[in-house]
């Protein structure tokens, strides 16, 4: 059985693939030992043939995921051979998921034609504005929150078609709203101040142990009228990402796989991967806990937000470099 996921909307392809993988593990492979992932230089006739013809360790069912073969395999003879291998997949015990995300992969070669005509081919186009708004509403609900329709429309308009970024913005807005429905004013607050880029700059300054620059960036955001909880939500989101990225980078995971695994925009994954080199994993954990403590204080006490952020900066810059 072969499934083909393709199109320009990489985020929804990623989510669909994740759901299929989880479904396979739950139903057939609780230990996660019968999955093979092939992408980039891993896609060769030899590796694909071995994956298709080797048996699972504890189950007859096997899951083989092949990422971007059309754009990766340039040699026409190799493509023909890969096509023949895929045509030979007839057993229900072998589940192959082929993923093609690049728009440039729309070649007229036989491999592409075969894949797009499969019974289980699913195309993921970029969402038009009305569907994008519906996606925002559904995503907020799925994550345990809610957003006003007008706020969803505005978020869609300001961010555009990038669902990777929209997903991150929804997470931050939900953290900021803290249980209430996300309002139009919340969206305006977050998007007008371009917090993402400023948080990256602030993280860079902390990684360089440049307390003066970091304090200046915090002061600038608060002086511009950025709500302390909005700034804190963005910082916490980035710091939690850094902990997850650091763990996987220590395991040797590539930036590309990391972006897919953590559902991060490729730019965010690459930028964060560089930033985590400046901190140890323990430092990242300690600083994340401090941000959580700041959140608790801002919501339950009258302590000065500027002072709390300044103390966080001083603490971060006092740590030794990774």
C-alpha atoms as a PDB file:
ATOM      1  CA  UNK A   1       0.000   0.000   0.000  1.00  0.00           C
ATOM      2  CA  UNK A   2       1.382   3.386  -1.014  1.00  0.00           C
ATOM      3  CA  UNK A   3       0.175   6.795   0.155  1.00  0.00           C
ATOM      4  CA  UNK A   4       1.378   9.983  -1.520  1.00  0.00           C
ATOM      5  CA  UNK A   5       1.277  13.319   0.314  1.00  0.00           C
ATOM      6  CA  UNK A   6       2.216  16.291  -1.826  1.00  0.00           C
ATOM      7  CA  UNK A   7       1.700  19.985  -2.437  1.00  0.00           C
ATOM      8  CA  UNK A   8       2.975  23.395  -1.431  1.00  0.00           C
ATOM      9  CA  UNK A   9       1.457  23.479   2.067  1.00  0.00           C
ATOM     10  CA  UNK A  10       4.277  21.855   4.012  1.00  0.00           C
ATOM     11  CA  UNK A  11       2.773  22.377   7.482  1.00  0.00           C
ATOM     12  CA  UNK A  12      -0.402  20.416   6.769  1.00  0.00           C
ATOM     13  CA  UNK A  13       1.633  17.704   5.061  1.00  0.00           C
ATOM     14  CA  UNK A  14       3.764  17.512   8.194  1.00  0.00           C
ATOM     15  CA  UNK A  15       0.665  17.197  10.415  1.00  0.00           C
ATOM     16  CA  UNK A  16      -0.900  14.557   8.174  1.00  0.00           C
ATOM     17  CA  UNK A  17       2.308  12.525   8.161  1.00  0.00           C
ATOM     18  CA  UNK A  18       2.563  12.770  11.935  1.00  0.00           C
ATOM     19  CA  UNK A  19      -1.012  11.523  12.329  1.00  0.00           C
ATOM     20  CA  UNK A  20      -0.372   8.572  10.002  1.00  0.00           C
ATOM     21  CA  UNK A  21       2.811   7.626  11.846  1.00  0.00           C
ATOM     22  CA  UNK A  22       1.103   7.793  15.239  1.00  0.00           C
ATOM     23  CA  UNK A  23      -1.788   5.715  13.918  1.00  0.00           C
ATOM     24  CA  UNK A  24       0.588   3.050  12.620  1.00  0.00           C
ATOM     25  CA  UNK A  25       2.511   2.886  15.898  1.00  0.00           C
ATOM     26  CA  UNK A  26      -0.671   2.652  17.961  1.00  0.00           C
ATOM     27  CA  UNK A  27      -2.201  -0.086  15.819  1.00  0.00           C
ATOM     28  CA  UNK A  28       0.762  -2.181  14.733  1.00  0.00           C
ATOM     29  CA  UNK A  29       4.078  -1.130  16.240  1.00  0.00           C
ATOM     30  CA  UNK A  30       3.932  -0.011  19.866  1.00  0.00           C
ATOM     31  CA  UNK A  31       7.719  -0.284  20.190  1.00  0.00           C
ATOM     32  CA  UNK A  32       8.323   1.875  17.131  1.00  0.00           C
ATOM     33  CA  UNK A  33      10.801  -0.616  15.641  1.00  0.00           C
ATOM     34  CA  UNK A  34       9.216  -1.210  12.231  1.00  0.00           C
ATOM     35  CA  UNK A  35       9.584   2.242  10.698  1.00  0.00           C
ATOM     36  CA  UNK A  36      12.198   3.322   8.166  1.00  0.00           C
ATOM     37  CA  UNK A  37      12.700   6.958   7.151  1.00  0.00           C
ATOM     38  CA  UNK A  38      14.544   7.767   3.911  1.00  0.00           C
ATOM     39  CA  UNK A  39      15.316  11.312   2.787  1.00  0.00           C
ATOM     40  CA  UNK A  40      18.056  13.193   0.981  1.00  0.00           C
ATOM     41  CA  UNK A  41      21.165  11.116   0.451  1.00  0.00           C
ATOM     42  CA  UNK A  42      19.498   8.184   2.248  1.00  0.00           C
ATOM     43  CA  UNK A  43      17.306   7.563  -0.822  1.00  0.00           C
ATOM     44  CA  UNK A  44      19.182   5.047  -2.960  1.00  0.00           C
ATOM     45  CA  UNK A  45      18.107   1.940  -4.817  1.00  0.00           C
ATOM     46  CA  UNK A  46      19.870  -0.159  -2.210  1.00  0.00           C
ATOM     47  CA  UNK A  47      18.349   1.492   0.873  1.00  0.00           C
ATOM     48  CA  UNK A  48      14.866   1.563  -0.640  1.00  0.00           C
ATOM     49  CA  UNK A  49      15.064  -2.060  -1.770  1.00  0.00           C
ATOM     50  CA  UNK A  50      16.255  -3.205   1.665  1.00  0.00           C
ATOM     51  CA  UNK A  51      13.521  -1.219   3.395  1.00  0.00           C
ATOM     52  CA  UNK A  52      10.830  -2.706   1.156  1.00  0.00           C
ATOM     53  CA  UNK A  53      11.993  -6.293   1.444  1.00  0.00           C
ATOM     54  CA  UNK A  54      13.177  -6.584   5.044  1.00  0.00           C
ATOM     55  CA  UNK A  55      10.748  -7.870   7.652  1.00  0.00           C
ATOM     56  CA  UNK A  56       9.776  -6.108  10.860  1.00  0.00           C
ATOM     57  CA  UNK A  57      11.318  -7.229  14.118  1.00  0.00           C
ATOM     58  CA  UNK A  58       8.123  -7.859  16.112  1.00  0.00           C
ATOM     59  CA  UNK A  59       5.364  -7.316  13.561  1.00  0.00           C
ATOM     60  CA  UNK A  60       4.736  -8.202   9.928  1.00  0.00           C
ATOM     61  CA  UNK A  61       3.656  -4.642   9.259  1.00  0.00           C
ATOM     62  CA  UNK A  62       6.316  -2.219   8.073  1.00  0.00           C
ATOM     63  CA  UNK A  63       6.167   1.534   7.552  1.00  0.00           C
ATOM     64  CA  UNK A  64       8.555   3.131   5.069  1.00  0.00           C
ATOM     65  CA  UNK A  65       8.572   6.920   4.670  1.00  0.00           C
ATOM     66  CA  UNK A  66      10.317   8.378   1.623  1.00  0.00           C
ATOM     67  CA  UNK A  67      10.704  12.155   1.606  1.00  0.00           C
ATOM     68  CA  UNK A  68      11.033  14.216  -1.585  1.00  0.00           C
ATOM     69  CA  UNK A  69      12.247  11.502  -3.971  1.00  0.00           C
ATOM     70  CA  UNK A  70      11.200  13.415  -7.098  1.00  0.00           C
ATOM     71  CA  UNK A  71      13.331  16.443  -6.291  1.00  0.00           C
ATOM     72  CA  UNK A  72      16.158  14.365  -4.775  1.00  0.00           C
ATOM     73  CA  UNK A  73      16.659  11.753  -7.511  1.00  0.00           C
ATOM     74  CA  UNK A  74      17.971  13.567 -10.581  1.00  0.00           C
ATOM     75  CA  UNK A  75      19.195  10.590 -12.601  1.00  0.00           C
ATOM     76  CA  UNK A  76      16.461   9.343 -14.943  1.00  0.00           C
ATOM     77  CA  UNK A  77      17.573   5.710 -14.826  1.00  0.00           C
ATOM     78  CA  UNK A  78      17.541   5.723 -11.030  1.00  0.00           C
ATOM     79  CA  UNK A  79      14.058   7.238 -11.052  1.00  0.00           C
ATOM     80  CA  UNK A  80      12.850   4.472 -13.354  1.00  0.00           C
ATOM     81  CA  UNK A  81      14.318   1.846 -11.046  1.00  0.00           C
ATOM     82  CA  UNK A  82      12.682   3.479  -8.002  1.00  0.00           C
ATOM     83  CA  UNK A  83       9.390   3.541  -9.877  1.00  0.00           C
ATOM     84  CA  UNK A  84       9.623  -0.188 -10.557  1.00  0.00           C
ATOM     85  CA  UNK A  85      10.366  -0.864  -6.894  1.00  0.00           C
ATOM     86  CA  UNK A  86       7.285   1.100  -5.837  1.00  0.00           C
ATOM     87  CA  UNK A  87       5.102  -0.639  -8.413  1.00  0.00           C
ATOM     88  CA  UNK A  88       6.144  -3.902  -6.825  1.00  0.00           C
ATOM     89  CA  UNK A  89       4.622  -2.942  -3.466  1.00  0.00           C
ATOM     90  CA  UNK A  90       1.508  -5.098  -3.308  1.00  0.00           C
ATOM     91  CA  UNK A  91       1.494  -6.502   0.211  1.00  0.00           C
ATOM     92  CA  UNK A  92      -0.849  -4.922   2.739  1.00  0.00           C
ATOM     93  CA  UNK A  93       1.863  -5.546   5.324  1.00  0.00           C
ATOM     94  CA  UNK A  94       4.084  -2.927   3.688  1.00  0.00           C
ATOM     95  CA  UNK A  95       2.890   0.664   4.050  1.00  0.00           C
ATOM     96  CA  UNK A  96       4.868   3.219   2.074  1.00  0.00           C
ATOM     97  CA  UNK A  97       4.273   6.940   2.567  1.00  0.00           C
ATOM     98  CA  UNK A  98       5.900   9.106  -0.091  1.00  0.00           C
ATOM     99  CA  UNK A  99       6.100  12.811   0.726  1.00  0.00           C
ATOM    100  CA  UNK A 100       6.892  15.548  -1.785  1.00  0.00           C
ATOM    101  CA  UNK A 101       6.770  19.114  -0.463  1.00  0.00           C
ATOM    102  CA  UNK A 102       8.559  21.290  -3.026  1.00  0.00           C
ATOM    103  CA  UNK A 103       6.513  23.007  -5.691  1.00  0.00           C
ATOM    104  CA  UNK A 104       9.471  22.583  -8.059  1.00  0.00           C
ATOM    105  CA  UNK A 105       8.932  18.822  -7.934  1.00  0.00           C
ATOM    106  CA  UNK A 106       6.057  19.063 -10.386  1.00  0.00           C
ATOM    107  CA  UNK A 107       8.064  17.452 -13.134  1.00  0.00           C
ATOM    108  CA  UNK A 108       6.461  15.462 -15.910  1.00  0.00           C
ATOM    109  CA  UNK A 109       8.591  12.393 -15.267  1.00  0.00           C
ATOM    110  CA  UNK A 110       7.032   8.964 -14.880  1.00  0.00           C
ATOM    111  CA  UNK A 111       7.673   8.747 -11.131  1.00  0.00           C
ATOM    112  CA  UNK A 112       5.722  11.950 -10.445  1.00  0.00           C
ATOM    113  CA  UNK A 113       2.898  10.914 -12.755  1.00  0.00           C
ATOM    114  CA  UNK A 114       2.602   7.501 -11.107  1.00  0.00           C
ATOM    115  CA  UNK A 115       2.532   8.944  -7.596  1.00  0.00           C
ATOM    116  CA  UNK A 116      -0.089  11.621  -8.325  1.00  0.00           C
ATOM    117  CA  UNK A 117      -2.437   9.034  -9.838  1.00  0.00           C
ATOM    118  CA  UNK A 118      -2.331   6.674  -6.875  1.00  0.00           C
ATOM    119  CA  UNK A 119      -5.697   5.953  -5.185  1.00  0.00           C
ATOM    120  CA  UNK A 120      -4.278   7.275  -1.905  1.00  0.00           C
ATOM    121  CA  UNK A 121      -2.698  10.485  -3.214  1.00  0.00           C
ATOM    122  CA  UNK A 122      -3.516  13.555  -1.108  1.00  0.00           C
ATOM    123  CA  UNK A 123      -2.740  17.046  -2.360  1.00  0.00           C
ATOM    124  CA  UNK A 124      -2.210  19.926   0.072  1.00  0.00           C
ATOM    125  CA  UNK A 125      -2.583  23.328  -1.557  1.00  0.00           C
ATOM    126  CA  UNK A 126      -1.957  26.643   0.172  1.00  0.00           C
ATOM    127  CA  UNK A 127      -5.137  27.628   1.993  1.00  0.00           C
ATOM    128  CA  UNK A 128      -7.210  30.503   0.627  1.00  0.00           C
ATOM    129  CA  UNK A 129      -8.079  33.224   3.203  1.00  0.00           C
ATOM    130  CA  UNK A 130     -11.533  31.854   4.208  1.00  0.00           C
ATOM    131  CA  UNK A 131     -10.157  28.337   4.694  1.00  0.00           C
ATOM    132  CA  UNK A 132      -7.132  29.741   6.529  1.00  0.00           C
ATOM    133  CA  UNK A 133      -9.411  31.524   8.993  1.00  0.00           C
ATOM    134  CA  UNK A 134     -11.359  28.312   9.528  1.00  0.00           C
ATOM    135  CA  UNK A 135      -8.061  26.501  10.127  1.00  0.00           C
ATOM    136  CA  UNK A 136      -7.076  29.079  12.776  1.00  0.00           C
ATOM    137  CA  UNK A 137     -10.405  28.674  14.583  1.00  0.00           C
ATOM    138  CA  UNK A 138     -10.146  24.884  14.507  1.00  0.00           C
ATOM    139  CA  UNK A 139      -6.503  24.859  15.599  1.00  0.00           C
ATOM    140  CA  UNK A 140      -7.152  27.120  18.595  1.00  0.00           C
ATOM    141  CA  UNK A 141     -10.037  24.851  19.649  1.00  0.00           C
ATOM    142  CA  UNK A 142      -7.943  21.706  19.189  1.00  0.00           C
ATOM    143  CA  UNK A 143      -5.289  23.171  21.487  1.00  0.00           C
ATOM    144  CA  UNK A 144      -7.777  23.830  24.261  1.00  0.00           C
ATOM    145  CA  UNK A 145      -8.593  27.476  23.610  1.00  0.00           C
ATOM    146  CA  UNK A 146     -10.735  29.726  21.461  1.00  0.00           C
ATOM    147  CA  UNK A 147     -10.328  32.783  19.254  1.00  0.00           C
ATOM    148  CA  UNK A 148     -12.902  35.300  18.113  1.00  0.00           C
ATOM    149  CA  UNK A 149     -13.753  35.000  14.374  1.00  0.00           C
ATOM    150  CA  UNK A 150     -12.726  38.624  13.734  1.00  0.00           C
ATOM    151  CA  UNK A 151      -9.447  37.989  15.549  1.00  0.00           C
ATOM    152  CA  UNK A 152      -8.853  34.883  13.440  1.00  0.00           C
ATOM    153  CA  UNK A 153      -9.511  36.898  10.277  1.00  0.00           C
ATOM    154  CA  UNK A 154      -7.034  39.556  11.383  1.00  0.00           C
ATOM    155  CA  UNK A 155      -4.386  37.008  12.323  1.00  0.00           C
ATOM    156  CA  UNK A 156      -4.770  35.390   8.907  1.00  0.00           C
ATOM    157  CA  UNK A 157      -4.531  38.761   7.147  1.00  0.00           C
ATOM    158  CA  UNK A 158      -1.417  39.887   8.995  1.00  0.00           C
ATOM    159  CA  UNK A 159       0.567  36.650   8.889  1.00  0.00           C
ATOM    160  CA  UNK A 160      -0.591  35.401   5.495  1.00  0.00           C
ATOM    161  CA  UNK A 161      -0.342  31.854   4.207  1.00  0.00           C
ATOM    162  CA  UNK A 162       2.562  30.659   6.389  1.00  0.00           C
ATOM    163  CA  UNK A 163       0.879  28.045   8.626  1.00  0.00           C
ATOM    164  CA  UNK A 164       4.175  27.330  10.405  1.00  0.00           C
ATOM    165  CA  UNK A 165       4.237  30.891  11.714  1.00  0.00           C
ATOM    166  CA  UNK A 166       0.482  30.927  12.293  1.00  0.00           C
ATOM    167  CA  UNK A 167       0.807  27.813  14.454  1.00  0.00           C
ATOM    168  CA  UNK A 168       3.441  29.509  16.598  1.00  0.00           C
ATOM    169  CA  UNK A 169       1.395  32.705  16.892  1.00  0.00           C
ATOM    170  CA  UNK A 170      -1.653  30.716  18.007  1.00  0.00           C
ATOM    171  CA  UNK A 171       0.399  29.039  20.738  1.00  0.00           C
ATOM    172  CA  UNK A 172       1.680  32.384  22.016  1.00  0.00           C
ATOM    173  CA  UNK A 173      -1.741  33.996  21.902  1.00  0.00           C
ATOM    174  CA  UNK A 174      -3.256  31.085  23.824  1.00  0.00           C
ATOM    175  CA  UNK A 175      -0.545  31.418  26.476  1.00  0.00           C
ATOM    176  CA  UNK A 176      -1.169  35.152  26.707  1.00  0.00           C
ATOM    177  CA  UNK A 177      -4.971  34.794  26.892  1.00  0.00           C
ATOM    178  CA  UNK A 178      -4.540  32.279  29.737  1.00  0.00           C
ATOM    179  CA  UNK A 179      -7.900  30.542  29.321  1.00  0.00           C
ATOM    180  CA  UNK A 180     -10.040  33.347  27.942  1.00  0.00           C
ATOM    181  CA  UNK A 181     -11.013  33.738  24.299  1.00  0.00           C
ATOM    182  CA  UNK A 182      -8.347  35.409  22.140  1.00  0.00           C
ATOM    183  CA  UNK A 183      -9.613  38.844  21.118  1.00  0.00           C
ATOM    184  CA  UNK A 184      -8.838  41.162  18.206  1.00  0.00           C
ATOM    185  CA  UNK A 185      -6.861  43.429  20.524  1.00  0.00           C
ATOM    186  CA  UNK A 186      -4.566  40.519  21.431  1.00  0.00           C
ATOM    187  CA  UNK A 187      -3.755  39.890  17.784  1.00  0.00           C
ATOM    188  CA  UNK A 188      -3.053  43.571  17.187  1.00  0.00           C
ATOM    189  CA  UNK A 189      -0.769  43.680  20.205  1.00  0.00           C
ATOM    190  CA  UNK A 190       1.349  40.718  19.118  1.00  0.00           C
ATOM    191  CA  UNK A 191       1.612  41.407  15.415  1.00  0.00           C
ATOM    192  CA  UNK A 192       2.225  45.169  15.541  1.00  0.00           C
ATOM    193  CA  UNK A 193       5.289  44.836  17.725  1.00  0.00           C
ATOM    194  CA  UNK A 194       7.032  42.153  15.615  1.00  0.00           C
ATOM    195  CA  UNK A 195       7.897  40.256  18.761  1.00  0.00           C
ATOM    196  CA  UNK A 196       9.363  37.217  17.038  1.00  0.00           C
ATOM    197  CA  UNK A 197      12.344  39.029  15.554  1.00  0.00           C
ATOM    198  CA  UNK A 198      12.948  40.997  18.743  1.00  0.00           C
ATOM    199  CA  UNK A 199      12.917  37.815  20.800  1.00  0.00           C
ATOM    200  CA  UNK A 200      15.544  36.327  18.477  1.00  0.00           C
ATOM    201  CA  UNK A 201      17.696  39.451  18.973  1.00  0.00           C
ATOM    202  CA  UNK A 202      17.214  39.239  22.737  1.00  0.00           C
ATOM    203  CA  UNK A 203      18.162  35.556  22.762  1.00  0.00           C
ATOM    204  CA  UNK A 204      21.301  36.356  20.751  1.00  0.00           C
ATOM    205  CA  UNK A 205      22.262  39.034  23.250  1.00  0.00           C
ATOM    206  CA  UNK A 206      21.774  36.645  26.155  1.00  0.00           C
ATOM    207  CA  UNK A 207      23.833  33.997  24.375  1.00  0.00           C
ATOM    208  CA  UNK A 208      26.635  36.533  23.905  1.00  0.00           C
ATOM    209  CA  UNK A 209      26.352  37.423  27.611  1.00  0.00           C
ATOM    210  CA  UNK A 210      25.760  41.003  26.496  1.00  0.00           C
ATOM    211  CA  UNK A 211      23.669  42.210  29.426  1.00  0.00           C
ATOM    212  CA  UNK A 212      23.712  45.840  28.267  1.00  0.00           C
ATOM    213  CA  UNK A 213      22.218  44.976  24.876  1.00  0.00           C
ATOM    214  CA  UNK A 214      19.696  42.531  26.351  1.00  0.00           C
ATOM    215  CA  UNK A 215      18.477  45.064  28.928  1.00  0.00           C
ATOM    216  CA  UNK A 216      18.157  47.669  26.176  1.00  0.00           C
ATOM    217  CA  UNK A 217      16.008  45.335  24.052  1.00  0.00           C
ATOM    218  CA  UNK A 218      13.703  44.578  26.991  1.00  0.00           C
ATOM    219  CA  UNK A 219      13.372  48.273  27.836  1.00  0.00           C
ATOM    220  CA  UNK A 220      12.604  49.124  24.199  1.00  0.00           C
ATOM    221  CA  UNK A 221       9.782  46.586  24.017  1.00  0.00           C
ATOM    222  CA  UNK A 222       8.177  47.747  27.247  1.00  0.00           C
ATOM    223  CA  UNK A 223       8.589  51.407  26.238  1.00  0.00           C
ATOM    224  CA  UNK A 224       6.813  50.680  22.935  1.00  0.00           C
ATOM    225  CA  UNK A 225       3.827  49.531  24.958  1.00  0.00           C
ATOM    226  CA  UNK A 226       4.288  45.789  24.576  1.00  0.00           C
ATOM    227  CA  UNK A 227       2.325  44.124  27.364  1.00  0.00           C
ATOM    228  CA  UNK A 228       4.666  42.301  29.791  1.00  0.00           C
ATOM    229  CA  UNK A 229       2.657  39.080  29.399  1.00  0.00           C
ATOM    230  CA  UNK A 230       2.921  39.325  25.602  1.00  0.00           C
ATOM    231  CA  UNK A 231       6.698  39.683  25.779  1.00  0.00           C
ATOM    232  CA  UNK A 232       6.861  36.893  28.332  1.00  0.00           C
ATOM    233  CA  UNK A 233       4.726  34.553  26.192  1.00  0.00           C
ATOM    234  CA  UNK A 234       7.073  35.037  23.237  1.00  0.00           C
ATOM    235  CA  UNK A 235      10.157  34.520  25.380  1.00  0.00           C
ATOM    236  CA  UNK A 236       8.741  31.393  27.000  1.00  0.00           C
ATOM    237  CA  UNK A 237       7.737  29.960  23.617  1.00  0.00           C
ATOM    238  CA  UNK A 238      11.258  30.480  22.267  1.00  0.00           C
ATOM    239  CA  UNK A 239      12.972  29.143  25.393  1.00  0.00           C
ATOM    240  CA  UNK A 240      10.878  25.974  25.418  1.00  0.00           C
ATOM    241  CA  UNK A 241      11.771  25.492  21.762  1.00  0.00           C
ATOM    242  CA  UNK A 242      15.443  25.861  22.659  1.00  0.00           C
ATOM    243  CA  UNK A 243      15.227  23.098  25.261  1.00  0.00           C
ATOM    244  CA  UNK A 244      13.613  20.748  22.739  1.00  0.00           C
ATOM    245  CA  UNK A 245      16.084  21.683  20.010  1.00  0.00           C
ATOM    246  CA  UNK A 246      19.102  21.306  22.313  1.00  0.00           C
ATOM    247  CA  UNK A 247      18.075  17.768  23.282  1.00  0.00           C
ATOM    248  CA  UNK A 248      17.685  16.660  19.690  1.00  0.00           C
ATOM    249  CA  UNK A 249      20.815  18.368  18.436  1.00  0.00           C
ATOM    250  CA  UNK A 250      22.776  16.492  21.112  1.00  0.00           C
ATOM    251  CA  UNK A 251      21.346  13.301  19.607  1.00  0.00           C
ATOM    252  CA  UNK A 252      22.715  14.291  16.205  1.00  0.00           C
ATOM    253  CA  UNK A 253      19.398  15.243  14.596  1.00  0.00           C
ATOM    254  CA  UNK A 254      19.726  17.401  11.482  1.00  0.00           C
ATOM    255  CA  UNK A 255      18.063  20.806  11.262  1.00  0.00           C
ATOM    256  CA  UNK A 256      15.702  19.523   8.567  1.00  0.00           C
ATOM    257  CA  UNK A 257      14.539  16.553  10.624  1.00  0.00           C
ATOM    258  CA  UNK A 258      14.352  18.761  13.694  1.00  0.00           C
ATOM    259  CA  UNK A 259      11.959  21.194  11.964  1.00  0.00           C
ATOM    260  CA  UNK A 260       9.746  18.289  10.931  1.00  0.00           C
ATOM    261  CA  UNK A 261       9.862  16.560  14.326  1.00  0.00           C
ATOM    262  CA  UNK A 262       9.024  19.692  16.336  1.00  0.00           C
ATOM    263  CA  UNK A 263       6.683  21.337  13.810  1.00  0.00           C
ATOM    264  CA  UNK A 264       8.868  24.425  13.604  1.00  0.00           C
ATOM    265  CA  UNK A 265       9.220  26.701  10.610  1.00  0.00           C
ATOM    266  CA  UNK A 266      12.545  25.829   8.921  1.00  0.00           C
ATOM    267  CA  UNK A 267      13.838  29.374   9.583  1.00  0.00           C
ATOM    268  CA  UNK A 268      12.993  29.085  13.293  1.00  0.00           C
ATOM    269  CA  UNK A 269      14.617  25.652  13.487  1.00  0.00           C
ATOM    270  CA  UNK A 270      17.823  26.879  11.852  1.00  0.00           C
ATOM    271  CA  UNK A 271      18.009  30.059  13.932  1.00  0.00           C
ATOM    272  CA  UNK A 272      17.284  28.233  17.188  1.00  0.00           C
ATOM    273  CA  UNK A 273      19.843  25.525  16.383  1.00  0.00           C
ATOM    274  CA  UNK A 274      22.542  28.196  16.240  1.00  0.00           C
ATOM    275  CA  UNK A 275      21.353  29.855  19.423  1.00  0.00           C
ATOM    276  CA  UNK A 276      21.326  26.711  21.567  1.00  0.00           C
ATOM    277  CA  UNK A 277      25.072  26.251  21.001  1.00  0.00           C
ATOM    278  CA  UNK A 278      25.580  29.167  23.389  1.00  0.00           C
ATOM    279  CA  UNK A 279      23.855  27.452  26.309  1.00  0.00           C
ATOM    280  CA  UNK A 280      24.084  24.141  28.111  1.00  0.00           C
ATOM    281  CA  UNK A 281      20.906  22.083  28.411  1.00  0.00           C
ATOM    282  CA  UNK A 282      20.857  22.690  32.157  1.00  0.00           C
ATOM    283  CA  UNK A 283      21.089  26.468  31.642  1.00  0.00           C
ATOM    284  CA  UNK A 284      18.174  26.356  29.235  1.00  0.00           C
ATOM    285  CA  UNK A 285      16.089  24.368  31.720  1.00  0.00           C
ATOM    286  CA  UNK A 286      16.890  26.745  34.580  1.00  0.00           C
ATOM    287  CA  UNK A 287      16.053  29.836  32.511  1.00  0.00           C
ATOM    288  CA  UNK A 288      12.811  28.280  31.252  1.00  0.00           C
ATOM    289  CA  UNK A 289      11.787  27.615  34.853  1.00  0.00           C
ATOM    290  CA  UNK A 290      12.578  31.243  35.691  1.00  0.00           C
ATOM    291  CA  UNK A 291      10.303  32.447  32.891  1.00  0.00           C
ATOM    292  CA  UNK A 292       7.508  30.257  34.269  1.00  0.00           C
ATOM    293  CA  UNK A 293       8.105  31.814  37.697  1.00  0.00           C
ATOM    294  CA  UNK A 294       7.907  35.308  36.186  1.00  0.00           C
ATOM    295  CA  UNK A 295       4.596  34.377  34.566  1.00  0.00           C
ATOM    296  CA  UNK A 296       3.239  33.287  37.950  1.00  0.00           C
ATOM    297  CA  UNK A 297       4.404  36.500  39.629  1.00  0.00           C
ATOM    298  CA  UNK A 298       2.965  38.771  36.932  1.00  0.00           C
ATOM    299  CA  UNK A 299      -0.418  37.076  37.244  1.00  0.00           C
ATOM    300  CA  UNK A 300      -0.581  36.837  41.029  1.00  0.00           C
ATOM    301  CA  UNK A 301       1.448  39.727  42.467  1.00  0.00           C
ATOM    302  CA  UNK A 302       2.090  43.413  41.859  1.00  0.00           C
ATOM    303  CA  UNK A 303       5.844  43.039  41.305  1.00  0.00           C
ATOM    304  CA  UNK A 304       7.326  45.357  38.691  1.00  0.00           C
ATOM    305  CA  UNK A 305       7.523  43.637  35.287  1.00  0.00           C
ATOM    306  CA  UNK A 306      10.585  45.589  34.193  1.00  0.00           C
ATOM    307  CA  UNK A 307      12.500  44.530  37.297  1.00  0.00           C
ATOM    308  CA  UNK A 308      11.553  40.878  36.832  1.00  0.00           C
ATOM    309  CA  UNK A 309      12.789  40.913  33.232  1.00  0.00           C
ATOM    310  CA  UNK A 310      15.978  42.730  34.235  1.00  0.00           C
ATOM    311  CA  UNK A 311      16.730  40.117  36.890  1.00  0.00           C
ATOM    312  CA  UNK A 312      16.170  37.380  34.305  1.00  0.00           C
ATOM    313  CA  UNK A 313      18.649  39.051  31.944  1.00  0.00           C
ATOM    314  CA  UNK A 314      21.270  39.425  34.665  1.00  0.00           C
ATOM    315  CA  UNK A 315      20.832  35.804  35.693  1.00  0.00           C
ATOM    316  CA  UNK A 316      21.145  34.560  32.092  1.00  0.00           C
ATOM    317  CA  UNK A 317      24.245  36.635  31.374  1.00  0.00           C
ATOM    318  CA  UNK A 318      25.933  35.510  34.594  1.00  0.00           C
ATOM    319  CA  UNK A 319      25.897  31.886  33.421  1.00  0.00           C
ATOM    320  CA  UNK A 320      29.006  30.454  31.815  1.00  0.00           C
ATOM    321  CA  UNK A 321      28.983  29.863  28.084  1.00  0.00           C
ATOM    322  CA  UNK A 322      28.137  26.352  26.828  1.00  0.00           C
END
